[in-house]
C-alpha atoms as a PDB file:
ATOM      1  CA  MET A   1      49.025  84.122 145.167  1.00  0.00           C
ATOM      2  CA  ALA A   2      50.265  83.686 141.594  1.00  0.00           C
ATOM      3  CA  SER A   3      51.754  80.288 140.868  1.00  0.00           C
ATOM      4  CA  VAL A   4      52.962  77.800 138.261  1.00  0.00           C
ATOM      5  CA  VAL A   5      50.337  75.270 137.165  1.00  0.00           C
ATOM      6  CA  ALA A   6      52.574  73.326 134.783  1.00  0.00           C
ATOM      7  CA  VAL A   7      55.984  73.309 133.121  1.00  0.00           C
ATOM      8  CA  CYS A   8      55.955  72.024 129.534  1.00  0.00           C
ATOM      9  CA  LYS A   9      58.419  71.368 126.738  1.00  0.00           C
ATOM     10  CA  SER A  10      58.714  69.900 123.267  1.00  0.00           C
ATOM     11  CA  ASP A  11      61.645  69.236 120.964  1.00  0.00           C
ATOM     12  CA  THR A  12      59.587  70.485 117.984  1.00  0.00           C
ATOM     13  CA  LYS A  13      58.228  73.992 117.357  1.00  0.00           C
ATOM     14  CA  GLY A  14      54.541  74.634 116.661  1.00  0.00           C
ATOM     15  CA  VAL A  15      53.153  71.599 118.508  1.00  0.00           C
ATOM     16  CA  ARG A  16      51.577  70.905 121.879  1.00  0.00           C
ATOM     17  CA  LYS A  17      54.117  70.627 124.673  1.00  0.00           C
ATOM     18  CA  ASP A  18      54.248  67.832 127.238  1.00  0.00           C
ATOM     19  CA  ALA A  19      54.079  68.581 130.953  1.00  0.00           C
ATOM     20  CA  VAL A  20      57.250  67.677 132.839  1.00  0.00           C
ATOM     21  CA  PRO A  21      57.838  67.434 136.602  1.00  0.00           C
ATOM     22  CA  GLU A  22      60.508  70.144 136.491  1.00  0.00           C
ATOM     23  CA  GLY A  23      62.031  72.539 133.983  1.00  0.00           C
ATOM     24  CA  VAL A  24      65.582  73.834 133.984  1.00  0.00           C
ATOM     25  CA  PHE A  25      66.008  77.307 132.526  1.00  0.00           C
ATOM     26  CA  LYS A  26      69.381  78.703 131.463  1.00  0.00           C
ATOM     27  CA  GLU A  27      70.254  82.400 131.588  1.00  0.00           C
ATOM     28  CA  ASP A  28      69.910  84.159 128.211  1.00  0.00           C
ATOM     29  CA  PHE A  29      68.931  80.868 126.550  1.00  0.00           C
ATOM     30  CA  GLY A  30      65.567  79.404 127.586  1.00  0.00           C
ATOM     31  CA  MET A  31      64.318  76.039 128.843  1.00  0.00           C
ATOM     32  CA  LEU A  32      66.762  73.204 128.361  1.00  0.00           C
ATOM     33  CA  GLY A  33      65.349  70.568 126.013  1.00  0.00           C
ATOM     34  CA  ASP A  34      62.740  72.864 124.461  1.00  0.00           C
ATOM     35  CA  ALA A  35      62.702  73.685 120.739  1.00  0.00           C
ATOM     36  CA  HIS A  36      62.331  77.443 121.326  1.00  0.00           C
ATOM     37  CA  ALA A  37      65.408  77.741 123.523  1.00  0.00           C
ATOM     38  CA  SER A  38      68.125  79.369 121.468  1.00  0.00           C
ATOM     39  CA  GLY A  39      69.342  82.371 123.381  1.00  0.00           C
ATOM     40  CA  GLU A  40      69.441  84.439 120.223  1.00  0.00           C
ATOM     41  CA  TRP A  41      66.044  86.082 120.516  1.00  0.00           C
ATOM     42  CA  HIS A  42      63.595  87.672 122.916  1.00  0.00           C
ATOM     43  CA  ARG A  43      61.083  84.798 122.966  1.00  0.00           C
ATOM     44  CA  GLN A  44      63.109  82.340 125.052  1.00  0.00           C
ATOM     45  CA  VAL A  45      60.182  81.284 127.284  1.00  0.00           C
ATOM     46  CA  SER A  46      56.437  81.300 126.548  1.00  0.00           C
ATOM     47  CA  LEU A  47      53.765  81.699 129.227  1.00  0.00           C
ATOM     48  CA  LEU A  48      50.001  81.315 129.140  1.00  0.00           C
ATOM     49  CA  ALA A  49      47.498  81.698 131.967  1.00  0.00           C
ATOM     50  CA  GLU A  50      45.269  78.824 132.997  1.00  0.00           C
ATOM     51  CA  GLU A  51      42.504  81.425 132.989  1.00  0.00           C
ATOM     52  CA  SER A  52      43.097  81.968 129.245  1.00  0.00           C
ATOM     53  CA  ILE A  53      42.906  78.240 128.524  1.00  0.00           C
ATOM     54  CA  ALA A  54      39.569  78.151 130.390  1.00  0.00           C
ATOM     55  CA  LYS A  55      38.146  80.592 127.803  1.00  0.00           C
ATOM     56  CA  MET A  56      38.235  77.841 125.175  1.00  0.00           C
ATOM     57  CA  PRO A  57      35.176  75.725 126.090  1.00  0.00           C
ATOM     58  CA  GLY A  58      32.926  73.977 123.662  1.00  0.00           C
ATOM     59  CA  LEU A  59      35.517  72.784 121.167  1.00  0.00           C
ATOM     60  CA  GLY A  60      34.871  69.165 122.033  1.00  0.00           C
ATOM     61  CA  LEU A  61      38.380  68.737 123.369  1.00  0.00           C
ATOM     62  CA  LYS A  62      39.777  68.602 126.863  1.00  0.00           C
ATOM     63  CA  LEU A  63      42.356  71.391 126.889  1.00  0.00           C
ATOM     64  CA  GLY A  64      45.027  71.945 129.454  1.00  0.00           C
ATOM     65  CA  PRO A  65      48.618  72.959 130.138  1.00  0.00           C
ATOM     66  CA  GLY A  66      50.940  72.746 127.149  1.00  0.00           C
ATOM     67  CA  ASP A  67      48.138  72.387 124.606  1.00  0.00           C
ATOM     68  CA  PHE A  68      48.883  75.834 123.170  1.00  0.00           C
ATOM     69  CA  GLY A  69      52.650  75.396 123.142  1.00  0.00           C
ATOM     70  CA  GLU A  70      53.485  77.325 126.315  1.00  0.00           C
ATOM     71  CA  ASN A  71      56.460  76.496 128.521  1.00  0.00           C
ATOM     72  CA  ILE A  72      54.877  77.737 131.734  1.00  0.00           C
ATOM     73  CA  THR A  73      51.161  77.669 132.522  1.00  0.00           C
ATOM     74  CA  THR A  74      50.318  80.179 135.253  1.00  0.00           C
ATOM     75  CA  ARG A  75      47.473  80.846 137.672  1.00  0.00           C
ATOM     76  CA  GLY A  76      46.485  84.069 139.409  1.00  0.00           C
ATOM     77  CA  VAL A  77      48.476  86.617 137.412  1.00  0.00           C
ATOM     78  CA  ASN A  78      47.281  88.807 134.541  1.00  0.00           C
ATOM     79  CA  LEU A  79      50.234  88.257 132.224  1.00  0.00           C
ATOM     80  CA  LEU A  80      49.017  90.712 129.599  1.00  0.00           C
ATOM     81  CA  ALA A  81      48.877  93.506 132.195  1.00  0.00           C
ATOM     82  CA  LEU A  82      52.615  93.218 132.865  1.00  0.00           C
ATOM     83  CA  PRO A  83      54.465  95.873 130.857  1.00  0.00           C
ATOM     84  CA  ILE A  84      57.331  94.871 128.581  1.00  0.00           C
ATOM     85  CA  GLY A  85      60.491  94.944 130.683  1.00  0.00           C
ATOM     86  CA  THR A  86      58.778  93.774 133.889  1.00  0.00           C
ATOM     87  CA  ARG A  87      60.898  91.274 135.776  1.00  0.00           C
ATOM     88  CA  PHE A  88      59.365  88.476 137.796  1.00  0.00           C
ATOM     89  CA  ARG A  89      60.664  85.572 139.838  1.00  0.00           C
ATOM     90  CA  VAL A  90      59.344  82.077 139.191  1.00  0.00           C
ATOM     91  CA  GLY A  91      60.180  79.588 141.918  1.00  0.00           C
ATOM     92  CA  LYS A  92      63.285  80.116 144.006  1.00  0.00           C
ATOM     93  CA  ASP A  93      65.835  81.215 141.373  1.00  0.00           C
ATOM     94  CA  LEU A  94      64.366  81.817 137.905  1.00  0.00           C
ATOM     95  CA  VAL A  95      64.015  85.483 136.942  1.00  0.00           C
ATOM     96  CA  LEU A  96      62.231  86.308 133.686  1.00  0.00           C
ATOM     97  CA  GLU A  97      61.781  89.620 131.884  1.00  0.00           C
ATOM     98  CA  MET A  98      58.604  90.237 129.887  1.00  0.00           C
ATOM     99  CA  SER A  99      59.634  90.734 126.262  1.00  0.00           C
ATOM    100  CA  GLN A 100      56.498  90.377 124.096  1.00  0.00           C
ATOM    101  CA  HIS A 101      52.712  90.213 124.358  1.00  0.00           C
ATOM    102  CA  GLY A 102      51.073  87.914 121.819  1.00  0.00           C
ATOM    103  CA  LYS A 103      52.541  86.895 118.484  1.00  0.00           C
ATOM    104  CA  GLU A 104      51.751  86.515 114.818  1.00  0.00           C
ATOM    105  CA  CYS A 105      49.411  83.599 114.241  1.00  0.00           C
ATOM    106  CA  HIS A 106      50.750  80.761 112.134  1.00  0.00           C
ATOM    107  CA  THR A 107      47.620  79.310 110.557  1.00  0.00           C
ATOM    108  CA  ALA A 108      49.357  76.085 109.590  1.00  0.00           C
ATOM    109  CA  CYS A 109      50.702  75.239 113.054  1.00  0.00           C
ATOM    110  CA  ALA A 110      49.932  71.825 114.508  1.00  0.00           C
ATOM    111  CA  ILE A 111      48.128  73.358 117.483  1.00  0.00           C
ATOM    112  CA  ARG A 112      45.602  75.161 115.293  1.00  0.00           C
ATOM    113  CA  LYS A 113      45.088  72.001 113.219  1.00  0.00           C
ATOM    114  CA  GLN A 114      44.470  69.867 116.320  1.00  0.00           C
ATOM    115  CA  VAL A 115      42.502  72.311 118.467  1.00  0.00           C
ATOM    116  CA  GLY A 116      40.848  74.438 115.779  1.00  0.00           C
ATOM    117  CA  LYS A 117      41.902  77.709 117.356  1.00  0.00           C
ATOM    118  CA  CYS A 118      45.015  78.966 119.107  1.00  0.00           C
ATOM    119  CA  ILE A 119      44.952  81.543 121.898  1.00  0.00           C
ATOM    120  CA  MET A 120      48.728  82.057 122.155  1.00  0.00           C
ATOM    121  CA  PRO A 121      48.739  84.842 119.533  1.00  0.00           C
ATOM    122  CA  VAL A 122      46.318  86.913 121.637  1.00  0.00           C
ATOM    123  CA  GLU A 123      46.756  85.787 125.256  1.00  0.00           C
ATOM    124  CA  GLY A 124      50.251  84.318 125.394  1.00  0.00           C
ATOM    125  CA  VAL A 125      53.347  86.230 126.459  1.00  0.00           C
ATOM    126  CA  PHE A 126      57.064  85.744 126.053  1.00  0.00           C
ATOM    127  CA  ALA A 127      60.047  86.403 128.253  1.00  0.00           C
ATOM    128  CA  LYS A 128      63.836  86.333 128.350  1.00  0.00           C
ATOM    129  CA  VAL A 129      65.725  84.415 131.028  1.00  0.00           C
ATOM    130  CA  ILE A 130      67.611  86.920 133.180  1.00  0.00           C
ATOM    131  CA  GLN A 131      68.674  84.418 135.847  1.00  0.00           C
ATOM    132  CA  GLY A 132      68.448  80.672 135.353  1.00  0.00           C
ATOM    133  CA  GLY A 133      66.851  78.196 137.696  1.00  0.00           C
ATOM    134  CA  LYS A 134      64.587  75.201 138.169  1.00  0.00           C
ATOM    135  CA  VAL A 135      60.793  75.476 138.138  1.00  0.00           C
ATOM    136  CA  GLN A 136      58.064  73.000 139.002  1.00  0.00           C
ATOM    137  CA  PRO A 137      54.287  73.084 139.382  1.00  0.00           C
ATOM    138  CA  GLY A 138      53.212  74.887 142.550  1.00  0.00           C
ATOM    139  CA  ASP A 139      56.140  77.311 142.560  1.00  0.00           C
ATOM    140  CA  PRO A 140      55.201  80.927 143.351  1.00  0.00           C
ATOM    141  CA  ILE A 141      55.405  83.787 140.850  1.00  0.00           C
ATOM    142  CA  ILE A 142      56.471  87.127 142.305  1.00  0.00           C
ATOM    143  CA  ILE A 143      56.138  90.210 140.109  1.00  0.00           C
ATOM    144  CA  GLY A 144      58.808  92.903 140.242  1.00  0.00           C
ATOM    145  CA  GLU A 145      61.583  90.709 141.663  1.00  0.00           C
ATOM    146  CA  LYS A 146      65.149  91.639 140.842  1.00  0.00           C
ATOM    147  CA  SER A 147      67.913  89.167 140.083  1.00  0.00           C
END
């Protein structure tokens, strides 16, 4: 079953995010307390699979959730296989809609400087918040859920 590994946030863009016990997501806005939450664009929430992070061995660093700037680290779901517009439920109430696969790489971002390489531009995805809710590690992810 697909699930949430970690929920992460930062008050600054372009840096590693810190894992938090729970995230609160607001409809058409994003994650409260996170620098990317603005409600005025399609990249309100970022997601990255734990399986993608595992592809980064040998850099001499211990990498984990939040290290690539994602809000939600997932397990057991191929995020890149979800078409744009796909809705999915995270936890009990949060409903997200896939809005973008990958992104333009910012070579000067703090993540690239610290880690040496960033996988978000290739393996990360972004979503809009359709229905707000709280999310915590261990919550299930159900693809195709309606609000």
